[in-house]
């Protein structure tokens, strides 16, 4: 899987992750990964094309 950059809202820092999943909610697509600093998830909005590419 490719590397994608996420933003951790609680620590206010960016980080990169190679393991993430794609979710769809109300027609919008998101990449979701676990935060490196806590027990919560970080979500990032992605385009429909990007979601299709990684949803395999």
PDB file of N, CA and C in Angstrom:
ATOM      1  N   UNK A   1       0.834  -1.174   0.000  1.00  0.00           N
ATOM      2  CA  UNK A   1       0.000   0.000   0.000  1.00  0.00           C
ATOM      3  C   UNK A   1       0.891   1.254   0.000  1.00  0.00           C
ATOM      4  N   UNK A   2       0.438   2.275  -0.603  1.00  0.00           N
ATOM      5  CA  UNK A   2       1.212   3.518  -0.691  1.00  0.00           C
ATOM      6  C   UNK A   2       1.186   4.268   0.635  1.00  0.00           C
ATOM      7  N   UNK A   3       2.099   5.210   0.770  1.00  0.00           N
ATOM      8  CA  UNK A   3       2.186   6.022   1.975  1.00  0.00           C
ATOM      9  C   UNK A   3       1.255   7.227   1.849  1.00  0.00           C
ATOM     10  N   UNK A   4       0.518   7.522   2.922  1.00  0.00           N
ATOM     11  CA  UNK A   4      -0.410   8.649   2.915  1.00  0.00           C
ATOM     12  C   UNK A   4      -0.184   9.466   4.183  1.00  0.00           C
ATOM     13  N   UNK A   5      -0.323  10.782   4.049  1.00  0.00           N
ATOM     14  CA  UNK A   5      -0.101  11.664   5.189  1.00  0.00           C
ATOM     15  C   UNK A   5      -1.422  11.956   5.903  1.00  0.00           C
ATOM     16  N   UNK A   6      -1.393  11.850   7.230  1.00  0.00           N
ATOM     17  CA  UNK A   6      -2.559  12.113   8.070  1.00  0.00           C
ATOM     18  C   UNK A   6      -2.225  13.230   9.049  1.00  0.00           C
ATOM     19  N   UNK A   7      -3.264  13.799   9.667  1.00  0.00           N
ATOM     20  CA  UNK A   7      -3.089  14.847  10.665  1.00  0.00           C
ATOM     21  C   UNK A   7      -3.765  14.393  11.952  1.00  0.00           C
ATOM     22  N   UNK A   8      -2.996  14.362  13.035  1.00  0.00           N
ATOM     23  CA  UNK A   8      -3.519  13.989  14.341  1.00  0.00           C
ATOM     24  C   UNK A   8      -4.032  15.260  15.018  1.00  0.00           C
ATOM     25  N   UNK A   9      -5.341  15.362  15.183  1.00  0.00           N
ATOM     26  CA  UNK A   9      -5.949  16.574  15.727  1.00  0.00           C
ATOM     27  C   UNK A   9      -5.580  16.767  17.201  1.00  0.00           C
ATOM     28  N   UNK A  10      -5.464  15.697  17.958  1.00  0.00           N
ATOM     29  CA  UNK A  10      -5.174  15.826  19.384  1.00  0.00           C
ATOM     30  C   UNK A  10      -3.762  16.327  19.650  1.00  0.00           C
ATOM     31  N   UNK A  11      -2.783  15.842  18.874  1.00  0.00           N
ATOM     32  CA  UNK A  11      -1.399  16.286  19.075  1.00  0.00           C
ATOM     33  C   UNK A  11      -1.017  17.424  18.142  1.00  0.00           C
ATOM     34  N   UNK A  12      -1.889  17.713  17.169  1.00  0.00           N
ATOM     35  CA  UNK A  12      -1.670  18.776  16.177  1.00  0.00           C
ATOM     36  C   UNK A  12      -0.383  18.564  15.379  1.00  0.00           C
ATOM     37  N   UNK A  13      -0.155  17.303  14.990  1.00  0.00           N
ATOM     38  CA  UNK A  13       1.030  16.961  14.204  1.00  0.00           C
ATOM     39  C   UNK A  13       0.654  16.060  13.041  1.00  0.00           C
ATOM     40  N   UNK A  14       1.409  16.175  11.960  1.00  0.00           N
ATOM     41  CA  UNK A  14       1.226  15.308  10.801  1.00  0.00           C
ATOM     42  C   UNK A  14       2.068  14.053  10.973  1.00  0.00           C
ATOM     43  N   UNK A  15       1.605  12.969  10.366  1.00  0.00           N
ATOM     44  CA  UNK A  15       2.372  11.728  10.338  1.00  0.00           C
ATOM     45  C   UNK A  15       2.013  10.974   9.082  1.00  0.00           C
ATOM     46  N   UNK A  16       2.879  10.058   8.698  1.00  0.00           N
ATOM     47  CA  UNK A  16       2.653   9.248   7.499  1.00  0.00           C
ATOM     48  C   UNK A  16       2.363   7.815   7.913  1.00  0.00           C
ATOM     49  N   UNK A  17       1.469   7.190   7.163  1.00  0.00           N
ATOM     50  CA  UNK A  17       1.089   5.811   7.436  1.00  0.00           C
ATOM     51  C   UNK A  17       0.992   5.037   6.131  1.00  0.00           C
ATOM     52  N   UNK A  18       1.385   3.785   6.185  1.00  0.00           N
ATOM     53  CA  UNK A  18       1.277   2.917   5.011  1.00  0.00           C
ATOM     54  C   UNK A  18       0.128   1.922   5.160  1.00  0.00           C
ATOM     55  N   UNK A  19      -0.355   1.723   6.391  1.00  0.00           N
ATOM     56  CA  UNK A  19      -1.471   0.808   6.621  1.00  0.00           C
ATOM     57  C   UNK A  19      -2.699   1.617   7.008  1.00  0.00           C
ATOM     58  N   UNK A  20      -3.705   1.583   6.148  1.00  0.00           N
ATOM     59  CA  UNK A  20      -4.953   2.281   6.401  1.00  0.00           C
ATOM     60  C   UNK A  20      -6.057   1.565   5.665  1.00  0.00           C
ATOM     61  N   UNK A  21      -7.285   1.865   6.047  1.00  0.00           N
ATOM     62  CA  UNK A  21      -8.445   1.273   5.361  1.00  0.00           C
ATOM     63  C   UNK A  21      -9.275   2.394   4.760  1.00  0.00           C
ATOM     64  N   UNK A  22     -10.078   2.048   3.780  1.00  0.00           N
ATOM     65  CA  UNK A  22     -10.950   3.012   3.110  1.00  0.00           C
ATOM     66  C   UNK A  22     -12.380   2.765   3.584  1.00  0.00           C
ATOM     67  N   UNK A  23     -13.061   3.833   4.004  1.00  0.00           N
ATOM     68  CA  UNK A  23     -14.454   3.739   4.429  1.00  0.00           C
ATOM     69  C   UNK A  23     -15.280   4.761   3.663  1.00  0.00           C
ATOM     70  N   UNK A  24     -16.562   4.441   3.477  1.00  0.00           N
ATOM     71  CA  UNK A  24     -17.482   5.364   2.807  1.00  0.00           C
ATOM     72  C   UNK A  24     -18.614   5.699   3.768  1.00  0.00           C
ATOM     73  N   UNK A  25     -18.882   6.984   3.926  1.00  0.00           N
ATOM     74  CA  UNK A  25     -19.990   7.442   4.757  1.00  0.00           C
ATOM     75  C   UNK A  25     -20.716   8.549   4.013  1.00  0.00           C
ATOM     76  N   UNK A  26     -21.981   8.332   3.769  1.00  0.00           N
ATOM     77  CA  UNK A  26     -22.847   9.313   3.099  1.00  0.00           C
ATOM     78  C   UNK A  26     -22.260   9.809   1.782  1.00  0.00           C
ATOM     79  N   UNK A  27     -21.680   8.899   1.024  1.00  0.00           N
ATOM     80  CA  UNK A  27     -21.162   9.250  -0.301  1.00  0.00           C
ATOM     81  C   UNK A  27     -19.768   9.845  -0.301  1.00  0.00           C
ATOM     82  N   UNK A  28     -19.153  10.037   0.862  1.00  0.00           N
ATOM     83  CA  UNK A  28     -17.783  10.569   0.931  1.00  0.00           C
ATOM     84  C   UNK A  28     -16.843   9.434   1.318  1.00  0.00           C
ATOM     85  N   UNK A  29     -15.613   9.518   0.866  1.00  0.00           N
ATOM     86  CA  UNK A  29     -14.636   8.473   1.111  1.00  0.00           C
ATOM     87  C   UNK A  29     -13.560   8.974   2.061  1.00  0.00           C
ATOM     88  N   UNK A  30     -13.130   8.083   2.968  1.00  0.00           N
ATOM     89  CA  UNK A  30     -12.145   8.428   3.975  1.00  0.00           C
ATOM     90  C   UNK A  30     -11.082   7.342   4.071  1.00  0.00           C
ATOM     91  N   UNK A  31      -9.852   7.766   4.338  1.00  0.00           N
ATOM     92  CA  UNK A  31      -8.791   6.842   4.700  1.00  0.00           C
ATOM     93  C   UNK A  31      -8.682   6.906   6.216  1.00  0.00           C
ATOM     94  N   UNK A  32      -8.648   5.758   6.876  1.00  0.00           N
ATOM     95  CA  UNK A  32      -8.661   5.699   8.337  1.00  0.00           C
ATOM     96  C   UNK A  32      -7.473   4.877   8.811  1.00  0.00           C
ATOM     97  N   UNK A  33      -6.742   5.419   9.796  1.00  0.00           N
ATOM     98  CA  UNK A  33      -5.613   4.700  10.369  1.00  0.00           C
ATOM     99  C   UNK A  33      -5.562   4.956  11.864  1.00  0.00           C
ATOM    100  N   UNK A  34      -4.825   4.115  12.582  1.00  0.00           N
ATOM    101  CA  UNK A  34      -4.652   4.285  14.022  1.00  0.00           C
ATOM    102  C   UNK A  34      -3.610   5.364  14.280  1.00  0.00           C
ATOM    103  N   UNK A  35      -3.853   6.179  15.283  1.00  0.00           N
ATOM    104  CA  UNK A  35      -2.905   7.231  15.646  1.00  0.00           C
ATOM    105  C   UNK A  35      -1.634   6.613  16.236  1.00  0.00           C
ATOM    106  N   UNK A  36      -0.470   7.157  15.910  1.00  0.00           N
ATOM    107  CA  UNK A  36       0.767   6.601  16.480  1.00  0.00           C
ATOM    108  C   UNK A  36       0.949   6.955  17.956  1.00  0.00           C
ATOM    109  N   UNK A  37       0.188   7.920  18.479  1.00  0.00           N
ATOM    110  CA  UNK A  37       0.384   8.364  19.860  1.00  0.00           C
ATOM    111  C   UNK A  37      -0.724   7.954  20.813  1.00  0.00           C
ATOM    112  N   UNK A  38      -1.822   7.386  20.329  1.00  0.00           N
ATOM    113  CA  UNK A  38      -2.929   7.051  21.217  1.00  0.00           C
ATOM    114  C   UNK A  38      -3.752   5.893  20.710  1.00  0.00           C
ATOM    115  N   UNK A  39      -4.869   5.653  21.390  1.00  0.00           N
ATOM    116  CA  UNK A  39      -5.762   4.541  21.051  1.00  0.00           C
ATOM    117  C   UNK A  39      -6.966   5.006  20.237  1.00  0.00           C
ATOM    118  N   UNK A  40      -6.784   5.995  19.408  1.00  0.00           N
ATOM    119  CA  UNK A  40      -7.869   6.523  18.603  1.00  0.00           C
ATOM    120  C   UNK A  40      -7.469   6.508  17.131  1.00  0.00           C
ATOM    121  N   UNK A  41      -8.444   6.770  16.258  1.00  0.00           N
ATOM    122  CA  UNK A  41      -8.207   6.731  14.814  1.00  0.00           C
ATOM    123  C   UNK A  41      -8.138   8.139  14.239  1.00  0.00           C
ATOM    124  N   UNK A  42      -7.390   8.267  13.164  1.00  0.00           N
ATOM    125  CA  UNK A  42      -7.300   9.518  12.421  1.00  0.00           C
ATOM    126  C   UNK A  42      -7.929   9.281  11.047  1.00  0.00           C
ATOM    127  N   UNK A  43      -8.773  10.211  10.631  1.00  0.00           N
ATOM    128  CA  UNK A  43      -9.502  10.099   9.369  1.00  0.00           C
ATOM    129  C   UNK A  43      -9.040  11.171   8.415  1.00  0.00           C
ATOM    130  N   UNK A  44      -8.985  10.838   7.136  1.00  0.00           N
ATOM    131  CA  UNK A  44      -8.618  11.799   6.101  1.00  0.00           C
ATOM    132  C   UNK A  44      -9.565  11.625   4.923  1.00  0.00           C
ATOM    133  N   UNK A  45     -10.100  12.721   4.413  1.00  0.00           N
ATOM    134  CA  UNK A  45     -10.984  12.680   3.253  1.00  0.00           C
ATOM    135  C   UNK A  45     -10.139  12.399   2.016  1.00  0.00           C
ATOM    136  N   UNK A  46     -10.604  11.466   1.172  1.00  0.00           N
ATOM    137  CA  UNK A  46      -9.922  11.155  -0.078  1.00  0.00           C
ATOM    138  C   UNK A  46     -10.929  11.207  -1.217  1.00  0.00           C
ATOM    139  N   UNK A  47     -10.430  11.350  -2.417  1.00  0.00           N
ATOM    140  CA  UNK A  47     -11.307  11.412  -3.586  1.00  0.00           C
ATOM    141  C   UNK A  47     -11.857  10.018  -3.917  1.00  0.00           C
ATOM    142  N   UNK A  48     -12.881  10.005  -4.735  1.00  0.00           N
ATOM    143  CA  UNK A  48     -13.501   8.752  -5.159  1.00  0.00           C
ATOM    144  C   UNK A  48     -12.493   7.899  -5.931  1.00  0.00           C
ATOM    145  N   UNK A  49     -11.662   8.531  -6.760  1.00  0.00           N
ATOM    146  CA  UNK A  49     -10.653   7.809  -7.538  1.00  0.00           C
ATOM    147  C   UNK A  49      -9.596   7.184  -6.634  1.00  0.00           C
ATOM    148  N   UNK A  50      -9.156   7.930  -5.640  1.00  0.00           N
ATOM    149  CA  UNK A  50      -8.158   7.417  -4.694  1.00  0.00           C
ATOM    150  C   UNK A  50      -8.741   6.255  -3.893  1.00  0.00           C
ATOM    151  N   UNK A  51      -9.983   6.385  -3.482  1.00  0.00           N
ATOM    152  CA  UNK A  51     -10.643   5.306  -2.724  1.00  0.00           C
ATOM    153  C   UNK A  51     -10.742   4.050  -3.568  1.00  0.00           C
ATOM    154  N   UNK A  52     -11.090   4.197  -4.838  1.00  0.00           N
ATOM    155  CA  UNK A  52     -11.205   3.031  -5.720  1.00  0.00           C
ATOM    156  C   UNK A  52      -9.854   2.359  -5.912  1.00  0.00           C
ATOM    157  N   UNK A  53      -8.818   3.159  -5.966  1.00  0.00           N
ATOM    158  CA  UNK A  53      -7.468   2.633  -6.158  1.00  0.00           C
ATOM    159  C   UNK A  53      -7.011   1.777  -4.979  1.00  0.00           C
ATOM    160  N   UNK A  54      -7.345   2.215  -3.750  1.00  0.00           N
ATOM    161  CA  UNK A  54      -6.882   1.514  -2.553  1.00  0.00           C
ATOM    162  C   UNK A  54      -7.887   0.532  -1.956  1.00  0.00           C
ATOM    163  N   UNK A  55      -9.102   0.516  -2.461  1.00  0.00           N
ATOM    164  CA  UNK A  55     -10.147  -0.326  -1.872  1.00  0.00           C
ATOM    165  C   UNK A  55      -9.996  -1.811  -2.205  1.00  0.00           C
ATOM    166  N   UNK A  56      -9.132  -2.170  -3.083  1.00  0.00           N
ATOM    167  CA  UNK A  56      -8.945  -3.552  -3.549  1.00  0.00           C
ATOM    168  C   UNK A  56      -8.709  -4.528  -2.442  1.00  0.00           C
TER     169      UNK A  56
END
